[in-house]
C-alpha atoms as a PDB file:
ATOM      1  CA  MET A   1     -86.263-107.869-213.303  1.00  0.00           C
ATOM      2  CA  VAL A   2     -83.875-108.228-216.243  1.00  0.00           C
ATOM      3  CA  ARG A   3     -81.625-111.262-216.188  1.00  0.00           C
ATOM      4  CA  ILE A   4     -78.102-110.934-217.563  1.00  0.00           C
ATOM      5  CA  SER A   5     -76.527-114.059-218.984  1.00  0.00           C
ATOM      6  CA  GLY A   6     -72.917-115.107-218.449  1.00  0.00           C
ATOM      7  CA  THR A   7     -72.082-114.205-222.041  1.00  0.00           C
ATOM      8  CA  GLN A   8     -73.544-110.721-221.602  1.00  0.00           C
ATOM      9  CA  LYS A   9     -71.475-110.249-218.426  1.00  0.00           C
ATOM     10  CA  LYS A  10     -68.282-111.272-220.251  1.00  0.00           C
ATOM     11  CA  LEU A  11     -69.137-108.972-223.140  1.00  0.00           C
ATOM     12  CA  GLY A  12     -69.761-106.101-220.694  1.00  0.00           C
ATOM     13  CA  VAL A  13     -66.409-106.674-218.956  1.00  0.00           C
ATOM     14  CA  ALA A  14     -64.588-106.867-222.314  1.00  0.00           C
ATOM     15  CA  LEU A  15     -66.290-103.700-223.545  1.00  0.00           C
ATOM     16  CA  SER A  16     -65.428-101.897-220.283  1.00  0.00           C
ATOM     17  CA  LEU A  17     -61.766-102.914-220.628  1.00  0.00           C
ATOM     18  CA  VAL A  18     -61.608-101.714-224.240  1.00  0.00           C
ATOM     19  CA  ILE A  19     -63.203 -98.377-223.301  1.00  0.00           C
ATOM     20  CA  GLY A  20     -60.823 -98.083-220.323  1.00  0.00           C
ATOM     21  CA  VAL A  21     -57.770 -98.636-222.539  1.00  0.00           C
ATOM     22  CA  PHE A  22     -58.953 -95.956-224.973  1.00  0.00           C
ATOM     23  CA  VAL A  23     -59.556 -93.511-222.103  1.00  0.00           C
ATOM     24  CA  VAL A  24     -56.041 -94.104-220.722  1.00  0.00           C
ATOM     25  CA  ILE A  25     -54.483 -93.675-224.179  1.00  0.00           C
ATOM     26  CA  GLY A  26     -56.500 -90.477-224.704  1.00  0.00           C
ATOM     27  CA  VAL A  27     -55.419 -89.012-221.365  1.00  0.00           C
ATOM     28  CA  VAL A  28     -51.754 -89.858-221.988  1.00  0.00           C
ATOM     29  CA  ARG A  29     -51.873 -88.307-225.462  1.00  0.00           C
ATOM     30  CA  PHE A  30     -53.772 -85.216-224.313  1.00  0.00           C
ATOM     31  CA  PHE A  31     -51.591 -84.647-221.237  1.00  0.00           C
ATOM     32  CA  PRO A  32     -48.074 -85.737-222.258  1.00  0.00           C
ATOM     33  CA  THR A  33     -45.259 -85.577-219.745  1.00  0.00           C
ATOM     34  CA  ALA A  34     -42.919 -82.614-220.004  1.00  0.00           C
ATOM     35  CA  SER A  35     -39.888 -84.802-219.538  1.00  0.00           C
ATOM     36  CA  ASN A  36     -37.882 -85.604-222.615  1.00  0.00           C
ATOM     37  CA  GLN A  37     -34.830 -86.097-220.443  1.00  0.00           C
ATOM     38  CA  GLY A  38     -32.018 -87.554-222.530  1.00  0.00           C
ATOM     39  CA  TYR A  39     -33.590 -86.455-225.829  1.00  0.00           C
ATOM     40  CA  ALA A  40     -30.804 -85.494-228.256  1.00  0.00           C
ATOM     41  CA  PRO A  41     -32.131 -85.391-231.811  1.00  0.00           C
ATOM     42  CA  GLU A  42     -29.969 -85.135-234.877  1.00  0.00           C
ATOM     43  CA  GLN A  43     -30.143 -81.624-236.318  1.00  0.00           C
ATOM     44  CA  PRO A  44     -30.229 -80.653-240.021  1.00  0.00           C
ATOM     45  CA  ILE A  45     -26.788 -79.094-239.546  1.00  0.00           C
ATOM     46  CA  PRO A  46     -24.591 -80.658-236.839  1.00  0.00           C
ATOM     47  CA  PHE A  47     -24.182 -77.551-234.697  1.00  0.00           C
ATOM     48  CA  SER A  48     -21.729 -78.042-231.823  1.00  0.00           C
ATOM     49  CA  HIS A  49     -22.331 -75.978-228.696  1.00  0.00           C
ATOM     50  CA  LYS A  50     -19.061 -77.452-227.388  1.00  0.00           C
ATOM     51  CA  LEU A  51     -17.195 -75.796-230.259  1.00  0.00           C
ATOM     52  CA  HIS A  52     -19.083 -72.488-230.226  1.00  0.00           C
ATOM     53  CA  ALA A  53     -19.917 -71.877-226.533  1.00  0.00           C
ATOM     54  CA  GLY A  54     -17.168 -74.057-225.042  1.00  0.00           C
ATOM     55  CA  ASP A  55     -13.980 -73.840-227.134  1.00  0.00           C
ATOM     56  CA  ASN A  56     -14.717 -70.428-228.726  1.00  0.00           C
ATOM     57  CA  LYS A  57     -16.396 -69.027-225.582  1.00  0.00           C
ATOM     58  CA  ILE A  58     -19.303 -67.395-227.419  1.00  0.00           C
ATOM     59  CA  PRO A  59     -21.776 -66.352-224.685  1.00  0.00           C
ATOM     60  CA  CYS A  60     -25.242 -67.955-224.720  1.00  0.00           C
ATOM     61  CA  MET A  61     -26.852 -64.528-225.062  1.00  0.00           C
ATOM     62  CA  TYR A  62     -25.000 -63.748-228.293  1.00  0.00           C
ATOM     63  CA  CYS A  63     -27.124 -66.295-230.153  1.00  0.00           C
ATOM     64  CA  HIS A  64     -30.087 -66.617-227.785  1.00  0.00           C
ATOM     65  CA  SER A  65     -30.446 -62.865-227.219  1.00  0.00           C
ATOM     66  CA  GLU A  66     -34.189 -62.951-226.554  1.00  0.00           C
ATOM     67  CA  ALA A  67     -33.698 -64.904-223.298  1.00  0.00           C
ATOM     68  CA  GLU A  68     -33.087 -61.634-221.424  1.00  0.00           C
ATOM     69  CA  LYS A  69     -36.158 -59.873-222.804  1.00  0.00           C
ATOM     70  CA  SER A  70     -38.718 -62.481-223.708  1.00  0.00           C
ATOM     71  CA  ARG A  71     -40.579 -65.559-222.632  1.00  0.00           C
ATOM     72  CA  HIS A  72     -38.593 -67.556-225.206  1.00  0.00           C
ATOM     73  CA  ALA A  73     -34.834 -67.804-225.662  1.00  0.00           C
ATOM     74  CA  THR A  74     -35.381 -68.325-229.423  1.00  0.00           C
ATOM     75  CA  ILE A  75     -33.148 -69.920-231.999  1.00  0.00           C
ATOM     76  CA  PRO A  76     -31.033 -67.246-233.683  1.00  0.00           C
ATOM     77  CA  ALA A  77     -31.801 -65.977-237.154  1.00  0.00           C
ATOM     78  CA  LEU A  78     -29.346 -67.056-239.833  1.00  0.00           C
ATOM     79  CA  ASN A  79     -27.853 -63.577-240.039  1.00  0.00           C
ATOM     80  CA  VAL A  80     -26.438 -64.134-236.520  1.00  0.00           C
ATOM     81  CA  CYS A  81     -24.659 -67.269-237.779  1.00  0.00           C
ATOM     82  CA  MET A  82     -23.468 -65.408-240.856  1.00  0.00           C
ATOM     83  CA  ASN A  83     -21.859 -62.685-238.723  1.00  0.00           C
ATOM     84  CA  CYS A  84     -18.959 -65.128-238.338  1.00  0.00           C
ATOM     85  CA  HIS A  85     -19.544 -67.700-241.049  1.00  0.00           C
ATOM     86  CA  SER A  86     -19.410 -65.215-243.903  1.00  0.00           C
ATOM     87  CA  VAL A  87     -15.625 -65.500-243.369  1.00  0.00           C
ATOM     88  CA  VAL A  88     -15.084 -68.459-240.992  1.00  0.00           C
ATOM     89  CA  LYS A  89     -14.954 -72.038-242.303  1.00  0.00           C
ATOM     90  CA  THR A  90     -16.648 -71.094-245.580  1.00  0.00           C
ATOM     91  CA  ASP A  91     -15.401 -74.265-247.315  1.00  0.00           C
ATOM     92  CA  SER A  92     -17.364 -76.551-244.939  1.00  0.00           C
ATOM     93  CA  PRO A  93     -20.337 -78.296-246.599  1.00  0.00           C
ATOM     94  CA  HIS A  94     -22.419 -77.516-243.491  1.00  0.00           C
ATOM     95  CA  ILE A  95     -21.589 -73.806-243.676  1.00  0.00           C
ATOM     96  CA  GLN A  96     -22.321 -73.863-247.414  1.00  0.00           C
ATOM     97  CA  LYS A  97     -25.768 -75.310-246.605  1.00  0.00           C
ATOM     98  CA  LEU A  98     -26.223 -72.545-244.010  1.00  0.00           C
ATOM     99  CA  ARG A  99     -25.138 -69.873-246.529  1.00  0.00           C
ATOM    100  CA  LYS A 100     -27.514 -71.256-249.188  1.00  0.00           C
ATOM    101  CA  SER A 101     -30.458 -71.100-246.780  1.00  0.00           C
ATOM    102  CA  TYR A 102     -29.440 -67.575-245.762  1.00  0.00           C
ATOM    103  CA  GLU A 103     -29.178 -66.369-249.366  1.00  0.00           C
ATOM    104  CA  GLU A 104     -32.530 -67.957-250.279  1.00  0.00           C
ATOM    105  CA  GLY A 105     -34.201 -66.503-247.180  1.00  0.00           C
ATOM    106  CA  LYS A 106     -35.193 -69.974-245.964  1.00  0.00           C
ATOM    107  CA  PRO A 107     -34.792 -70.852-242.284  1.00  0.00           C
ATOM    108  CA  ILE A 108     -33.049 -74.010-241.138  1.00  0.00           C
ATOM    109  CA  GLU A 109     -35.650 -76.430-239.726  1.00  0.00           C
ATOM    110  CA  TRP A 110     -33.978 -77.067-236.361  1.00  0.00           C
ATOM    111  CA  VAL A 111     -35.474 -79.803-234.185  1.00  0.00           C
ATOM    112  CA  ARG A 112     -36.728 -78.436-230.869  1.00  0.00           C
ATOM    113  CA  ILE A 113     -35.211 -80.129-227.815  1.00  0.00           C
ATOM    114  CA  HIS A 114     -36.471 -78.368-224.683  1.00  0.00           C
ATOM    115  CA  GLU A 115     -40.240 -78.202-225.029  1.00  0.00           C
ATOM    116  CA  LEU A 116     -42.792 -77.638-222.319  1.00  0.00           C
ATOM    117  CA  PRO A 117     -46.509 -78.336-222.700  1.00  0.00           C
ATOM    118  CA  ASP A 118     -48.643 -75.497-224.086  1.00  0.00           C
ATOM    119  CA  TYR A 119     -50.365 -75.016-220.726  1.00  0.00           C
ATOM    120  CA  VAL A 120     -47.083 -74.042-219.012  1.00  0.00           C
ATOM    121  CA  TYR A 121     -45.990 -70.402-218.956  1.00  0.00           C
ATOM    122  CA  PHE A 122     -42.209 -70.243-218.599  1.00  0.00           C
ATOM    123  CA  PRO A 123     -40.583 -66.816-219.007  1.00  0.00           C
ATOM    124  CA  HIS A 124     -36.839 -67.048-219.667  1.00  0.00           C
ATOM    125  CA  LYS A 125     -36.396 -63.333-218.913  1.00  0.00           C
ATOM    126  CA  ARG A 126     -37.664 -63.671-215.337  1.00  0.00           C
ATOM    127  CA  HIS A 127     -35.217 -66.476-214.613  1.00  0.00           C
ATOM    128  CA  VAL A 128     -32.262 -64.776-216.334  1.00  0.00           C
ATOM    129  CA  ALA A 129     -32.973 -61.558-214.369  1.00  0.00           C
ATOM    130  CA  GLN A 130     -32.752 -63.518-211.094  1.00  0.00           C
ATOM    131  CA  GLY A 131     -29.339 -64.930-212.031  1.00  0.00           C
ATOM    132  CA  VAL A 132     -30.432 -68.439-212.979  1.00  0.00           C
ATOM    133  CA  SER A 133     -27.740 -69.578-215.407  1.00  0.00           C
ATOM    134  CA  CYS A 134     -28.578 -71.401-218.607  1.00  0.00           C
ATOM    135  CA  GLU A 135     -26.762 -74.490-217.238  1.00  0.00           C
ATOM    136  CA  THR A 136     -29.207 -74.768-214.324  1.00  0.00           C
ATOM    137  CA  CYS A 137     -31.969 -76.002-216.615  1.00  0.00           C
ATOM    138  CA  HIS A 138     -30.132 -76.913-219.819  1.00  0.00           C
ATOM    139  CA  GLY A 139     -27.081 -78.679-218.390  1.00  0.00           C
ATOM    140  CA  ASN A 140     -23.473 -77.958-219.295  1.00  0.00           C
ATOM    141  CA  VAL A 141     -24.234 -77.082-222.914  1.00  0.00           C
ATOM    142  CA  LYS A 142     -20.653 -75.844-223.368  1.00  0.00           C
ATOM    143  CA  GLU A 143     -19.563 -79.491-223.260  1.00  0.00           C
ATOM    144  CA  MET A 144     -22.231 -80.825-225.651  1.00  0.00           C
ATOM    145  CA  ALA A 145     -21.323 -81.546-229.253  1.00  0.00           C
ATOM    146  CA  ARG A 146     -25.007 -82.487-229.661  1.00  0.00           C
ATOM    147  CA  VAL A 147     -27.429 -80.782-227.271  1.00  0.00           C
ATOM    148  CA  GLU A 148     -29.644 -83.013-225.183  1.00  0.00           C
ATOM    149  CA  GLN A 149     -32.282 -82.328-222.567  1.00  0.00           C
ATOM    150  CA  LYS A 150     -30.369 -82.951-219.331  1.00  0.00           C
ATOM    151  CA  SER A 151     -33.041 -81.997-216.793  1.00  0.00           C
ATOM    152  CA  ALA A 152     -36.496 -83.473-216.363  1.00  0.00           C
ATOM    153  CA  LEU A 153     -38.259 -80.088-216.732  1.00  0.00           C
ATOM    154  CA  THR A 154     -41.315 -81.556-215.047  1.00  0.00           C
ATOM    155  CA  MET A 155     -43.568 -79.650-212.689  1.00  0.00           C
ATOM    156  CA  GLY A 156     -41.983 -81.381-209.684  1.00  0.00           C
ATOM    157  CA  TRP A 157     -38.493 -80.517-210.885  1.00  0.00           C
ATOM    158  CA  CYS A 158     -39.424 -76.824-211.214  1.00  0.00           C
ATOM    159  CA  MET A 159     -41.230 -76.780-207.849  1.00  0.00           C
ATOM    160  CA  GLU A 160     -38.126 -78.120-206.066  1.00  0.00           C
ATOM    161  CA  CYS A 161     -36.236 -75.077-207.313  1.00  0.00           C
ATOM    162  CA  HIS A 162     -39.036 -72.599-206.527  1.00  0.00           C
ATOM    163  CA  ARG A 163     -39.224 -74.007-202.986  1.00  0.00           C
ATOM    164  CA  GLY A 164     -35.481 -73.509-202.516  1.00  0.00           C
ATOM    165  CA  GLN A 165     -34.592 -77.200-202.413  1.00  0.00           C
ATOM    166  CA  THR A 166     -32.416 -77.310-205.544  1.00  0.00           C
ATOM    167  CA  THR A 167     -31.984 -73.596-206.182  1.00  0.00           C
ATOM    168  CA  PRO A 168     -28.493 -72.482-207.297  1.00  0.00           C
ATOM    169  CA  ARG A 169     -26.507 -70.878-204.462  1.00  0.00           C
ATOM    170  CA  ASN A 170     -26.089 -67.524-206.258  1.00  0.00           C
ATOM    171  CA  VAL A 171     -29.882 -67.218-206.576  1.00  0.00           C
ATOM    172  CA  MET A 172     -30.374 -68.137-202.883  1.00  0.00           C
ATOM    173  CA  LEU A 173     -27.857 -65.475-201.832  1.00  0.00           C
ATOM    174  CA  LYS A 174     -29.617 -62.895-203.996  1.00  0.00           C
ATOM    175  CA  MET A 175     -33.001 -63.748-202.438  1.00  0.00           C
ATOM    176  CA  TYR A 176     -31.639 -63.877-198.868  1.00  0.00           C
ATOM    177  CA  PRO A 177     -28.661 -61.441-198.921  1.00  0.00           C
ATOM    178  CA  HIS A 178     -28.175 -61.199-195.140  1.00  0.00           C
ATOM    179  CA  VAL A 179     -28.417 -64.900-194.335  1.00  0.00           C
ATOM    180  CA  LYS A 180     -25.273 -67.036-194.051  1.00  0.00           C
ATOM    181  CA  ASN A 181     -26.824 -70.343-195.201  1.00  0.00           C
ATOM    182  CA  PRO A 182     -30.035 -69.312-196.928  1.00  0.00           C
ATOM    183  CA  ARG A 183     -32.973 -71.703-197.044  1.00  0.00           C
ATOM    184  CA  GLY A 184     -36.515 -71.140-198.149  1.00  0.00           C
ATOM    185  CA  PRO A 185     -38.717 -70.410-201.137  1.00  0.00           C
ATOM    186  CA  VAL A 186     -37.322 -68.268-203.935  1.00  0.00           C
ATOM    187  CA  ALA A 187     -40.323 -68.031-206.251  1.00  0.00           C
ATOM    188  CA  PRO A 188     -44.091 -68.375-206.015  1.00  0.00           C
ATOM    189  CA  VAL A 189     -45.503 -71.893-205.993  1.00  0.00           C
ATOM    190  CA  ASN A 190     -49.157 -71.041-206.600  1.00  0.00           C
ATOM    191  CA  CYS A 191     -50.681 -72.571-209.743  1.00  0.00           C
ATOM    192  CA  ASN A 192     -51.109 -69.372-211.753  1.00  0.00           C
ATOM    193  CA  THR A 193     -47.378 -68.610-211.583  1.00  0.00           C
ATOM    194  CA  CYS A 194     -46.825 -71.113-214.389  1.00  0.00           C
ATOM    195  CA  HIS A 195     -50.358 -71.949-215.510  1.00  0.00           C
ATOM    196  CA  ASN A 196     -52.012 -68.706-216.582  1.00  0.00           C
END
């Protein structure tokens, strides 16, 4: 029988703790949380949704036109910005930076705010088609001078909506048109709905 000394036991415990810490760090880095709630990064050009979508009432779909047809809402190409800014506020240093990028064919390196993990399949078009407004997930963007992630966008947060617990009333009425106070699931909750 092999005898283990007190020093060897302490060394084994210390080594186990070190390995355990590295495993936990690896898991956290490999499987990050989807929630960046409150994240509001500074952008290369201070674009105000409050000014554009709020004060000027430009619809979300004018700039984010792919939301109705695609998995992604997409950030608009510079030519969409230049539709107005070829004549509007052309003396602004920010618009001049935008124009320079447009003329050089270089995109603006916007900082992504709402980002889900790669293993999540989220189709904007499916949600838009069911009447889920942009504000449901993105917050009242029309009031944001700097966009921030308002909702958790975690799996649990999405599941509450799919189960009908936090679903917007207009979507509930669409799913249950002949029910006075609709309750119940509005979308599939099986794993491959979002993880395929």
